[in-house]
Amino acid sequence: MIRFLAVAAAAAATVALAPAGFAQTARGYYAATPVTAPEKTSLVTRSTIWKCGEGVCVAGKANARDNIVCELVAREVGQLSAFRANGTEFDAEALAKCNTKAR
């Protein structure tokens, strides 16, 4: 039940960030840019709901460190060419470490 509530809260936060269309690419706490466009338009990593479109996946703040969130999304979508957390881009070293977990 607690896990369901966490997912529901994350969903509500994501919906609040999602205006009509996919203009939210610039919004969200996280933005992951996969090398290859993901097959799905939405996915869940632990309790974080991601919305993907126009080459970018975005999500609200998670209850994990930024590097862990990066690794989790890389496991789902593959190699990332960029990852942003709270407006700050990961540097080349952090992104390379994140990409070691990519599928």
Protein backbone atom coordinates (compact mmCIF):
# COMPACT_ATOMS: atom_id res chain seq x y z
CA MET A 1 0.00 0.00 0.00
CA ILE A 2 2.83 2.41 0.84
CA ARG A 3 4.54 1.67 -2.49
CA PHE A 4 1.26 2.32 -4.31
CA LEU A 5 0.91 5.66 -2.55
CA ALA A 6 4.47 6.62 -3.49
CA VAL A 7 3.80 5.79 -7.15
CA ALA A 8 0.48 7.64 -7.04
CA ALA A 9 2.17 10.71 -5.54
CA ALA A 10 4.89 10.60 -8.19
CA ALA A 11 2.22 10.29 -10.89
CA ALA A 12 0.35 13.29 -9.52
CA ALA A 13 3.56 15.33 -9.46
CA THR A 14 4.36 14.33 -13.03
CA VAL A 15 0.87 15.22 -14.23
CA ALA A 16 1.21 18.60 -12.56
CA LEU A 17 4.39 19.18 -14.59
CA ALA A 18 2.83 18.07 -17.88
CA PRO A 19 1.10 20.84 -19.81
CA ALA A 20 -0.63 20.09 -23.11
CA GLY A 21 1.76 18.63 -25.67
CA PHE A 22 5.30 17.80 -24.75
CA ALA A 23 6.46 21.28 -23.82
CA GLN A 24 7.65 19.82 -20.51
CA THR A 25 10.99 18.82 -22.03
CA ALA A 26 12.45 21.88 -20.36
CA ARG A 27 10.64 21.12 -17.08
CA GLY A 28 11.00 18.47 -14.45
CA TYR A 29 13.67 17.91 -11.88
CA TYR A 30 15.42 15.34 -14.09
CA ALA A 31 15.97 15.26 -17.84
CA ALA A 32 17.63 12.26 -19.49
CA THR A 33 18.56 12.32 -23.17
CA PRO A 34 18.92 8.77 -24.51
CA VAL A 35 21.26 8.13 -27.44
CA THR A 36 18.46 6.11 -29.07
CA ALA A 37 14.86 7.27 -28.69
CA PRO A 38 13.04 5.06 -26.19
CA GLU A 39 10.27 2.77 -27.45
CA LYS A 40 7.88 3.78 -24.65
CA THR A 41 6.48 7.23 -23.94
CA SER A 42 6.42 6.57 -20.20
CA LEU A 43 8.28 4.33 -17.79
CA VAL A 44 8.78 3.84 -14.07
CA THR A 45 12.10 3.42 -12.26
CA ARG A 46 11.46 2.42 -8.66
CA SER A 47 8.87 5.05 -7.75
CA THR A 48 9.86 7.68 -10.34
CA ILE A 49 7.58 8.16 -13.33
CA TRP A 50 9.29 9.29 -16.53
CA LYS A 51 7.58 10.82 -19.56
CA CYS A 52 9.50 10.59 -22.83
CA GLY A 53 9.07 12.50 -26.06
CA GLU A 54 11.03 14.61 -28.51
CA GLY A 55 14.21 12.73 -27.57
CA VAL A 56 14.11 13.56 -23.85
CA CYS A 57 12.69 11.79 -20.79
CA VAL A 58 11.69 13.98 -17.83
CA ALA A 59 10.67 13.21 -14.25
CA GLY A 60 9.98 14.90 -10.96
CA LYS A 61 12.30 14.70 -7.94
CA ALA A 62 12.94 11.19 -6.61
CA ASN A 63 13.91 9.96 -3.15
CA ALA A 64 17.35 8.86 -4.32
CA ARG A 65 20.67 10.49 -5.11
CA ASP A 66 20.89 12.00 -8.58
CA ASN A 67 23.55 9.55 -9.75
CA ILE A 68 21.35 6.59 -8.74
CA VAL A 69 18.38 8.07 -10.62
CA CYS A 70 20.61 8.45 -13.68
CA GLU A 71 21.70 4.81 -13.47
CA LEU A 72 18.11 3.63 -13.08
CA VAL A 73 16.87 5.47 -16.15
CA ALA A 74 19.92 4.33 -18.16
CA ARG A 75 19.01 0.72 -17.31
CA GLU A 76 15.61 1.31 -18.88
CA VAL A 77 16.39 3.44 -21.94
CA GLY A 78 20.03 2.62 -22.70
CA GLN A 79 23.04 4.92 -23.08
CA LEU A 80 22.46 8.58 -22.32
CA SER A 81 24.03 11.48 -24.18
CA ALA A 82 23.06 13.90 -21.39
CA PHE A 83 21.52 13.91 -17.91
CA ARG A 84 20.33 16.94 -15.94
CA ALA A 85 19.29 17.08 -12.29
CA ASN A 86 17.79 20.26 -10.84
CA GLY A 87 19.05 22.29 -13.79
CA THR A 88 22.65 21.03 -13.53
CA GLU A 89 24.09 18.89 -16.33
CA PHE A 90 26.17 15.87 -15.39
CA ASP A 91 29.79 16.31 -16.45
CA ALA A 92 31.47 13.78 -18.77
CA GLU A 93 32.85 11.69 -15.90
CA ALA A 94 29.51 11.44 -14.05
CA LEU A 95 27.66 10.64 -17.29
CA ALA A 96 30.20 7.91 -18.18
CA LYS A 97 29.76 6.34 -14.75
CA CYS A 98 25.97 6.49 -15.16
CA ASN A 99 26.18 4.85 -18.57
CA THR A 100 28.01 1.81 -17.15
CA LYS A 101 24.56 0.70 -15.92
CA ALA A 102 22.88 1.12 -19.33
CA ARG A 103 21.21 -1.88 -20.91
